[in-house]
Amino acid sequence: MLQVGDDAPEFELSDQNGETVRLSAVLEKGPVVLFFYPAALSPGCTREACHFRDIVGEFAERGASILGISADDVAKQKKFDDTHRLGYPLLADTDGNVARAYGLKRRIPGIPAKRGTFVIGSDRKILAAVHSELNMNIHADEALGALAG
C-alpha cells in the first residue's frame, strides 16, 4: 500500500460520462484526493461517496479535486452518480490495474479492492494515505485535514 512520500502512479481511466481522466492533467489544477471504494451503490461506499459530496466545497476552497475510483464499469459509475448526485468524477478501474499500482488490490480474485484514500500533491507525492475499511467518514475528514496543514 502506498504511503506518505511515495510517488503516485500515473493513470488514465474513463469516468462515469465516458470522458478520459488522466491523473497528471487533474494535478495541473492542484492537489487530488483519490479515494478507492469497493463497490458503487453499496451501503458503505454510498455513505463514503456522499460524505465527500457533502464537503466538496471545502475541498474546492483548498484547491483540491476529488476523484472516486472502483472496479465498477462506466455504466454503474453513471448510475451511482445519477442516484446520489455526487458531482465529481467516478473512475472505472475495471481491470484493477490502478488499484494494484496503489497497493489496494486484494490477492483473492473476484474480491473488490480495499478502501483507501490518497491525497496527492501537484508534484505527484502522496501527502496523506487513509486506510480504513470500516470507518467511511474518516476518509474525507482526514483528507481534508491533510490539505489544511
N, C-alpha and C. Protein backbone atom coordinates (compact mmCIF):
# COMPACT_ATOMS: atom_id res chain seq x y z
N MET A 1 0.84 -1.17 0.00
CA MET A 1 0.00 0.00 0.00
C MET A 1 0.89 1.24 0.00
N LEU A 2 0.60 2.17 -0.90
CA LEU A 2 1.40 3.38 -0.95
C LEU A 2 1.27 4.19 0.34
N GLN A 3 2.33 4.90 0.67
CA GLN A 3 2.37 5.67 1.91
C GLN A 3 2.81 7.10 1.62
N VAL A 4 2.77 7.94 2.65
CA VAL A 4 3.19 9.33 2.54
C VAL A 4 4.62 9.37 2.00
N GLY A 5 4.84 10.26 1.02
CA GLY A 5 6.15 10.43 0.42
C GLY A 5 6.36 9.63 -0.85
N ASP A 6 5.55 8.59 -1.07
CA ASP A 6 5.65 7.81 -2.30
C ASP A 6 5.16 8.65 -3.49
N ASP A 7 5.63 8.29 -4.68
CA ASP A 7 5.11 8.91 -5.90
C ASP A 7 3.80 8.22 -6.28
N ALA A 8 2.80 9.02 -6.62
CA ALA A 8 1.52 8.47 -7.07
C ALA A 8 1.66 7.99 -8.50
N PRO A 9 1.33 6.75 -8.78
CA PRO A 9 1.41 6.24 -10.15
C PRO A 9 0.44 6.97 -11.08
N GLU A 10 0.90 7.27 -12.27
CA GLU A 10 0.05 7.88 -13.31
C GLU A 10 -1.00 6.88 -13.74
N PHE A 11 -2.15 7.37 -14.14
CA PHE A 11 -3.19 6.52 -14.72
C PHE A 11 -4.07 7.34 -15.64
N GLU A 12 -4.79 6.63 -16.47
CA GLU A 12 -5.77 7.22 -17.37
C GLU A 12 -6.96 6.26 -17.42
N LEU A 13 -8.14 6.75 -16.98
CA LEU A 13 -9.34 5.92 -16.93
C LEU A 13 -10.54 6.72 -17.42
N SER A 14 -11.61 6.02 -17.75
CA SER A 14 -12.86 6.67 -18.12
C SER A 14 -13.68 6.96 -16.88
N ASP A 15 -14.34 8.13 -16.89
CA ASP A 15 -15.23 8.47 -15.79
C ASP A 15 -16.66 8.03 -16.12
N GLN A 16 -17.60 8.39 -15.27
CA GLN A 16 -18.98 7.96 -15.43
C GLN A 16 -19.65 8.50 -16.69
N ASN A 17 -19.05 9.50 -17.32
CA ASN A 17 -19.60 10.05 -18.56
C ASN A 17 -18.84 9.59 -19.79
N GLY A 18 -17.89 8.65 -19.59
CA GLY A 18 -17.10 8.15 -20.70
C GLY A 18 -15.95 9.06 -21.08
N GLU A 19 -15.71 10.11 -20.29
CA GLU A 19 -14.59 11.03 -20.55
C GLU A 19 -13.31 10.44 -19.97
N THR A 20 -12.21 10.67 -20.65
CA THR A 20 -10.91 10.19 -20.18
C THR A 20 -10.36 11.15 -19.13
N VAL A 21 -9.92 10.58 -18.01
CA VAL A 21 -9.32 11.36 -16.93
C VAL A 21 -7.91 10.83 -16.73
N ARG A 22 -6.94 11.75 -16.81
CA ARG A 22 -5.53 11.41 -16.58
C ARG A 22 -5.09 12.13 -15.31
N LEU A 23 -4.46 11.41 -14.40
CA LEU A 23 -4.04 11.99 -13.12
C LEU A 23 -3.21 13.24 -13.33
N SER A 24 -2.21 13.19 -14.20
CA SER A 24 -1.31 14.34 -14.39
C SER A 24 -2.08 15.59 -14.84
N ALA A 25 -3.12 15.41 -15.64
CA ALA A 25 -3.91 16.56 -16.11
C ALA A 25 -4.70 17.18 -14.97
N VAL A 26 -5.24 16.35 -14.10
CA VAL A 26 -6.00 16.88 -12.96
C VAL A 26 -5.06 17.57 -11.97
N LEU A 27 -3.85 17.02 -11.79
CA LEU A 27 -2.87 17.60 -10.87
C LEU A 27 -2.40 18.98 -11.32
N GLU A 28 -2.53 19.29 -12.60
CA GLU A 28 -2.16 20.62 -13.08
C GLU A 28 -3.02 21.71 -12.44
N LYS A 29 -4.21 21.34 -11.97
CA LYS A 29 -5.13 22.29 -11.34
C LYS A 29 -4.91 22.40 -9.83
N GLY A 30 -4.16 21.47 -9.25
CA GLY A 30 -3.94 21.46 -7.80
C GLY A 30 -3.94 20.05 -7.27
N PRO A 31 -3.93 19.89 -5.94
CA PRO A 31 -3.90 18.56 -5.34
C PRO A 31 -5.13 17.73 -5.71
N VAL A 32 -4.97 16.42 -5.61
CA VAL A 32 -6.04 15.48 -5.92
C VAL A 32 -6.27 14.59 -4.70
N VAL A 33 -7.54 14.40 -4.38
CA VAL A 33 -7.94 13.42 -3.38
C VAL A 33 -8.52 12.24 -4.14
N LEU A 34 -7.80 11.13 -4.13
CA LEU A 34 -8.18 9.92 -4.87
C LEU A 34 -8.67 8.90 -3.87
N PHE A 35 -9.98 8.59 -3.91
CA PHE A 35 -10.48 7.60 -2.97
C PHE A 35 -10.99 6.37 -3.70
N PHE A 36 -10.49 5.22 -3.25
CA PHE A 36 -10.87 3.92 -3.79
C PHE A 36 -11.99 3.36 -2.92
N TYR A 37 -13.05 2.90 -3.56
CA TYR A 37 -14.16 2.29 -2.83
C TYR A 37 -14.46 0.93 -3.47
N PRO A 38 -14.87 -0.05 -2.68
CA PRO A 38 -15.06 -1.40 -3.20
C PRO A 38 -16.17 -1.55 -4.23
N ALA A 39 -17.34 -0.93 -4.02
CA ALA A 39 -18.46 -1.19 -4.93
C ALA A 39 -19.46 -0.04 -4.96
N ALA A 40 -19.66 0.53 -6.12
CA ALA A 40 -20.66 1.58 -6.30
C ALA A 40 -22.03 1.07 -5.87
N LEU A 41 -22.78 1.95 -5.24
CA LEU A 41 -24.16 1.71 -4.81
C LEU A 41 -24.29 0.80 -3.59
N SER A 42 -23.18 0.31 -3.04
CA SER A 42 -23.27 -0.47 -1.80
C SER A 42 -23.45 0.50 -0.64
N PRO A 43 -24.02 0.05 0.48
CA PRO A 43 -24.31 0.98 1.58
C PRO A 43 -23.09 1.75 2.10
N GLY A 44 -22.00 1.05 2.38
CA GLY A 44 -20.82 1.72 2.93
C GLY A 44 -20.19 2.69 1.94
N CYS A 45 -20.09 2.27 0.70
CA CYS A 45 -19.50 3.13 -0.33
C CYS A 45 -20.38 4.33 -0.62
N THR A 46 -21.69 4.15 -0.52
CA THR A 46 -22.60 5.27 -0.70
C THR A 46 -22.40 6.29 0.42
N ARG A 47 -22.28 5.82 1.66
CA ARG A 47 -22.02 6.74 2.79
C ARG A 47 -20.72 7.52 2.55
N GLU A 48 -19.69 6.81 2.14
CA GLU A 48 -18.39 7.45 1.93
C GLU A 48 -18.47 8.48 0.80
N ALA A 49 -19.02 8.08 -0.35
CA ALA A 49 -19.10 8.97 -1.51
C ALA A 49 -19.97 10.20 -1.21
N CYS A 50 -21.06 9.99 -0.48
CA CYS A 50 -21.94 11.13 -0.15
C CYS A 50 -21.27 12.07 0.85
N HIS A 51 -20.44 11.54 1.73
CA HIS A 51 -19.71 12.42 2.65
C HIS A 51 -18.73 13.30 1.86
N PHE A 52 -18.03 12.72 0.90
CA PHE A 52 -17.17 13.53 0.03
C PHE A 52 -18.01 14.60 -0.68
N ARG A 53 -19.16 14.19 -1.21
CA ARG A 53 -20.05 15.14 -1.90
C ARG A 53 -20.46 16.29 -0.98
N ASP A 54 -20.80 15.95 0.25
CA ASP A 54 -21.32 16.95 1.18
C ASP A 54 -20.29 18.00 1.59
N ILE A 55 -19.01 17.65 1.49
CA ILE A 55 -17.98 18.64 1.87
C ILE A 55 -17.09 19.01 0.68
N VAL A 56 -17.60 18.79 -0.53
CA VAL A 56 -16.82 19.08 -1.74
C VAL A 56 -16.39 20.55 -1.79
N GLY A 57 -17.22 21.43 -1.28
CA GLY A 57 -16.88 22.85 -1.27
C GLY A 57 -15.64 23.15 -0.44
N GLU A 58 -15.47 22.42 0.65
CA GLU A 58 -14.28 22.61 1.48
C GLU A 58 -13.01 22.16 0.76
N PHE A 59 -13.14 21.09 -0.03
CA PHE A 59 -12.00 20.66 -0.84
C PHE A 59 -11.69 21.71 -1.91
N ALA A 60 -12.73 22.24 -2.53
CA ALA A 60 -12.55 23.26 -3.57
C ALA A 60 -11.87 24.50 -3.00
N GLU A 61 -12.22 24.88 -1.77
CA GLU A 61 -11.59 26.04 -1.12
C GLU A 61 -10.09 25.83 -0.96
N ARG A 62 -9.66 24.60 -0.87
CA ARG A 62 -8.24 24.27 -0.72
C ARG A 62 -7.60 23.94 -2.08
N GLY A 63 -8.36 24.14 -3.15
CA GLY A 63 -7.84 23.93 -4.50
C GLY A 63 -7.73 22.48 -4.92
N ALA A 64 -8.39 21.59 -4.19
CA ALA A 64 -8.27 20.15 -4.45
C ALA A 64 -9.43 19.61 -5.28
N SER A 65 -9.12 18.64 -6.12
CA SER A 65 -10.11 17.90 -6.89
C SER A 65 -10.31 16.54 -6.26
N ILE A 66 -11.54 16.04 -6.31
CA ILE A 66 -11.87 14.72 -5.80
C ILE A 66 -12.06 13.78 -6.98
N LEU A 67 -11.48 12.59 -6.87
CA LEU A 67 -11.69 11.51 -7.84
C LEU A 67 -12.04 10.26 -7.06
N GLY A 68 -13.19 9.66 -7.38
CA GLY A 68 -13.55 8.36 -6.82
C GLY A 68 -13.18 7.28 -7.82
N ILE A 69 -12.87 6.09 -7.32
CA ILE A 69 -12.43 5.02 -8.22
C ILE A 69 -12.82 3.65 -7.66
N SER A 70 -13.33 2.81 -8.55
CA SER A 70 -13.63 1.42 -8.18
C SER A 70 -13.55 0.57 -9.44
N ALA A 71 -13.73 -0.73 -9.27
CA ALA A 71 -13.68 -1.65 -10.41
C ALA A 71 -14.99 -1.68 -11.19
N ASP A 72 -15.97 -0.91 -10.77
CA ASP A 72 -17.25 -0.88 -11.47
C ASP A 72 -17.08 -0.25 -12.85
N ASP A 73 -17.92 -0.68 -13.80
CA ASP A 73 -17.83 -0.15 -15.15
C ASP A 73 -18.47 1.24 -15.25
N VAL A 74 -18.29 1.86 -16.40
CA VAL A 74 -18.77 3.23 -16.62
C VAL A 74 -20.27 3.34 -16.35
N ALA A 75 -21.04 2.38 -16.81
CA ALA A 75 -22.50 2.44 -16.64
C ALA A 75 -22.89 2.43 -15.16
N LYS A 76 -22.23 1.58 -14.37
CA LYS A 76 -22.57 1.53 -12.94
C LYS A 76 -22.10 2.81 -12.24
N GLN A 77 -20.95 3.34 -12.63
CA GLN A 77 -20.47 4.60 -12.06
C GLN A 77 -21.48 5.71 -12.38
N LYS A 78 -22.01 5.71 -13.59
CA LYS A 78 -23.00 6.72 -14.00
C LYS A 78 -24.26 6.60 -13.14
N LYS A 79 -24.72 5.38 -12.93
CA LYS A 79 -25.90 5.17 -12.09
C LYS A 79 -25.64 5.65 -10.67
N PHE A 80 -24.46 5.37 -10.14
CA PHE A 80 -24.07 5.81 -8.79
C PHE A 80 -24.12 7.33 -8.71
N ASP A 81 -23.54 8.00 -9.68
CA ASP A 81 -23.54 9.47 -9.71
C ASP A 81 -24.96 10.01 -9.87
N ASP A 82 -25.72 9.46 -10.79
CA ASP A 82 -27.09 9.94 -11.02
C ASP A 82 -27.97 9.73 -9.79
N THR A 83 -27.83 8.60 -9.13
CA THR A 83 -28.65 8.27 -7.97
C THR A 83 -28.37 9.21 -6.79
N HIS A 84 -27.10 9.55 -6.59
CA HIS A 84 -26.71 10.32 -5.40
C HIS A 84 -26.19 11.72 -5.71
N ARG A 85 -26.25 12.11 -6.98
CA ARG A 85 -25.82 13.46 -7.40
C ARG A 85 -24.46 13.81 -6.79
N LEU A 86 -23.48 12.95 -7.05
CA LEU A 86 -22.16 13.11 -6.44
C LEU A 86 -21.41 14.30 -7.02
N GLY A 87 -21.43 14.46 -8.34
CA GLY A 87 -20.88 15.67 -8.94
C GLY A 87 -19.37 15.74 -9.08
N TYR A 88 -18.68 14.65 -8.92
CA TYR A 88 -17.24 14.60 -9.18
C TYR A 88 -16.96 13.33 -9.97
N PRO A 89 -15.80 13.23 -10.64
CA PRO A 89 -15.52 12.06 -11.48
C PRO A 89 -15.45 10.76 -10.68
N LEU A 90 -16.11 9.74 -11.22
CA LEU A 90 -16.03 8.38 -10.70
C LEU A 90 -15.38 7.55 -11.78
N LEU A 91 -14.23 6.99 -11.48
CA LEU A 91 -13.41 6.33 -12.48
C LEU A 91 -13.60 4.82 -12.47
N ALA A 92 -13.62 4.25 -13.68
CA ALA A 92 -13.84 2.82 -13.86
C ALA A 92 -12.50 2.09 -14.04
N ASP A 93 -12.03 1.47 -12.96
CA ASP A 93 -10.79 0.69 -12.96
C ASP A 93 -11.17 -0.79 -13.12
N THR A 94 -11.80 -1.11 -14.25
CA THR A 94 -12.40 -2.43 -14.42
C THR A 94 -11.40 -3.59 -14.40
N ASP A 95 -10.16 -3.33 -14.79
CA ASP A 95 -9.17 -4.41 -14.76
C ASP A 95 -8.36 -4.42 -13.45
N GLY A 96 -8.61 -3.44 -12.59
CA GLY A 96 -7.93 -3.39 -11.29
C GLY A 96 -6.49 -2.95 -11.34
N ASN A 97 -6.00 -2.50 -12.48
CA ASN A 97 -4.59 -2.13 -12.59
C ASN A 97 -4.21 -0.92 -11.74
N VAL A 98 -5.12 0.04 -11.62
CA VAL A 98 -4.80 1.22 -10.80
C VAL A 98 -4.82 0.84 -9.32
N ALA A 99 -5.81 0.06 -8.90
CA ALA A 99 -5.83 -0.42 -7.51
C ALA A 99 -4.56 -1.20 -7.19
N ARG A 100 -4.11 -2.00 -8.14
CA ARG A 100 -2.86 -2.77 -7.95
C ARG A 100 -1.68 -1.82 -7.79
N ALA A 101 -1.60 -0.80 -8.65
CA ALA A 101 -0.48 0.15 -8.60
C ALA A 101 -0.42 0.92 -7.29
N TYR A 102 -1.60 1.13 -6.68
CA TYR A 102 -1.67 1.87 -5.42
C TYR A 102 -1.64 0.94 -4.20
N GLY A 103 -1.49 -0.36 -4.45
CA GLY A 103 -1.35 -1.33 -3.37
C GLY A 103 -2.66 -1.71 -2.70
N LEU A 104 -3.78 -1.56 -3.40
CA LEU A 104 -5.08 -1.84 -2.80
C LEU A 104 -5.77 -3.07 -3.38
N LYS A 105 -5.17 -3.71 -4.36
CA LYS A 105 -5.75 -4.91 -4.97
C LYS A 105 -5.59 -6.07 -4.01
N ARG A 106 -6.65 -6.81 -3.80
CA ARG A 106 -6.59 -7.98 -2.91
C ARG A 106 -6.01 -9.17 -3.66
N ARG A 107 -5.45 -10.10 -2.92
CA ARG A 107 -4.83 -11.28 -3.53
C ARG A 107 -5.85 -12.30 -4.01
N ILE A 108 -7.05 -12.25 -3.44
CA ILE A 108 -8.08 -13.23 -3.80
C ILE A 108 -8.86 -12.69 -5.01
N PRO A 109 -8.84 -13.41 -6.13
CA PRO A 109 -9.55 -12.95 -7.33
C PRO A 109 -11.05 -12.78 -7.05
N GLY A 110 -11.64 -11.75 -7.65
CA GLY A 110 -13.07 -11.52 -7.53
C GLY A 110 -13.49 -10.70 -6.33
N ILE A 111 -12.59 -10.48 -5.39
CA ILE A 111 -12.89 -9.67 -4.21
C ILE A 111 -12.53 -8.22 -4.55
N PRO A 112 -13.43 -7.26 -4.25
CA PRO A 112 -13.14 -5.85 -4.59
C PRO A 112 -11.87 -5.34 -3.90
N ALA A 113 -11.31 -4.29 -4.49
CA ALA A 113 -10.11 -3.66 -3.92
C ALA A 113 -10.42 -3.12 -2.52
N LYS A 114 -9.37 -2.93 -1.75
CA LYS A 114 -9.50 -2.35 -0.41
C LYS A 114 -9.93 -0.89 -0.53
N ARG A 115 -10.55 -0.40 0.54
CA ARG A 115 -10.92 1.01 0.64
C ARG A 115 -9.67 1.79 1.05
N GLY A 116 -9.36 2.84 0.34
CA GLY A 116 -8.20 3.65 0.67
C GLY A 116 -8.30 5.00 0.00
N THR A 117 -7.71 6.00 0.63
CA THR A 117 -7.75 7.37 0.11
C THR A 117 -6.34 7.94 0.13
N PHE A 118 -6.00 8.64 -0.95
CA PHE A 118 -4.69 9.26 -1.07
C PHE A 118 -4.86 10.73 -1.41
N VAL A 119 -4.16 11.58 -0.67
CA VAL A 119 -4.07 12.99 -1.02
C VAL A 119 -2.76 13.14 -1.77
N ILE A 120 -2.86 13.62 -3.01
CA ILE A 120 -1.70 13.68 -3.90
C ILE A 120 -1.40 15.14 -4.22
N GLY A 121 -0.16 15.55 -3.94
CA GLY A 121 0.27 16.91 -4.23
C GLY A 121 0.53 17.09 -5.72
N SER A 122 0.62 18.33 -6.14
CA SER A 122 0.85 18.65 -7.55
C SER A 122 2.13 18.03 -8.10
N ASP A 123 3.07 17.72 -7.20
CA ASP A 123 4.34 17.09 -7.61
C ASP A 123 4.23 15.56 -7.66
N ARG A 124 3.00 15.03 -7.52
CA ARG A 124 2.68 13.60 -7.54
C ARG A 124 3.14 12.87 -6.29
N LYS A 125 3.55 13.58 -5.25
CA LYS A 125 3.90 12.94 -3.98
C LYS A 125 2.64 12.72 -3.15
N ILE A 126 2.58 11.58 -2.48
CA ILE A 126 1.47 11.29 -1.58
C ILE A 126 1.67 12.12 -0.31
N LEU A 127 0.68 12.98 -0.02
CA LEU A 127 0.72 13.84 1.17
C LEU A 127 0.04 13.18 2.36
N ALA A 128 -0.92 12.30 2.09
CA ALA A 128 -1.63 11.57 3.15
C ALA A 128 -2.19 10.30 2.55
N ALA A 129 -2.25 9.27 3.38
CA ALA A 129 -2.83 7.98 2.97
C ALA A 129 -3.75 7.51 4.09
N VAL A 130 -5.00 7.27 3.77
CA VAL A 130 -6.00 6.85 4.75
C VAL A 130 -6.40 5.42 4.42
N HIS A 131 -6.25 4.54 5.38
CA HIS A 131 -6.55 3.12 5.17
C HIS A 131 -7.49 2.66 6.28
N SER A 132 -8.77 2.71 6.03
CA SER A 132 -9.76 2.20 6.97
C SER A 132 -10.85 1.53 6.18
N GLU A 133 -11.05 0.26 6.41
CA GLU A 133 -12.08 -0.49 5.68
C GLU A 133 -13.47 -0.19 6.23
N LEU A 134 -13.59 0.12 7.51
CA LEU A 134 -14.89 0.19 8.15
C LEU A 134 -15.39 1.59 8.48
N ASN A 135 -14.49 2.53 8.72
CA ASN A 135 -14.92 3.89 9.06
C ASN A 135 -14.95 4.72 7.79
N MET A 136 -16.13 4.84 7.20
CA MET A 136 -16.27 5.51 5.89
C MET A 136 -15.98 7.00 5.95
N ASN A 137 -16.43 7.68 7.00
CA ASN A 137 -16.31 9.14 7.06
C ASN A 137 -14.88 9.61 7.32
N ILE A 138 -14.06 8.75 7.89
CA ILE A 138 -12.69 9.15 8.20
C ILE A 138 -11.91 9.53 6.93
N HIS A 139 -12.26 8.93 5.80
CA HIS A 139 -11.52 9.17 4.57
C HIS A 139 -11.59 10.63 4.15
N ALA A 140 -12.78 11.17 4.01
CA ALA A 140 -12.94 12.57 3.59
C ALA A 140 -12.41 13.51 4.66
N ASP A 141 -12.70 13.21 5.91
CA ASP A 141 -12.28 14.10 7.00
C ASP A 141 -10.76 14.18 7.10
N GLU A 142 -10.08 13.04 7.05
CA GLU A 142 -8.61 13.05 7.14
C GLU A 142 -7.97 13.66 5.91
N ALA A 143 -8.56 13.42 4.73
CA ALA A 143 -8.03 14.02 3.51
C ALA A 143 -8.14 15.55 3.58
N LEU A 144 -9.26 16.04 4.05
CA LEU A 144 -9.45 17.47 4.20
C LEU A 144 -8.46 18.04 5.21
N GLY A 145 -8.25 17.33 6.30
CA GLY A 145 -7.28 17.77 7.31
C GLY A 145 -5.87 17.83 6.75
N ALA A 146 -5.52 16.90 5.89
CA ALA A 146 -4.17 16.90 5.30
C ALA A 146 -3.98 18.09 4.39
N LEU A 147 -5.04 18.55 3.76
CA LEU A 147 -4.95 19.72 2.86
C LEU A 147 -4.89 21.03 3.65
N ALA A 148 -5.37 21.01 4.88
CA ALA A 148 -5.39 22.22 5.70
C ALA A 148 -4.02 22.52 6.30
N GLY A 149 -3.21 21.47 6.46
CA GLY A 149 -1.95 21.63 7.16
C GLY A 149 -0.81 21.93 6.33
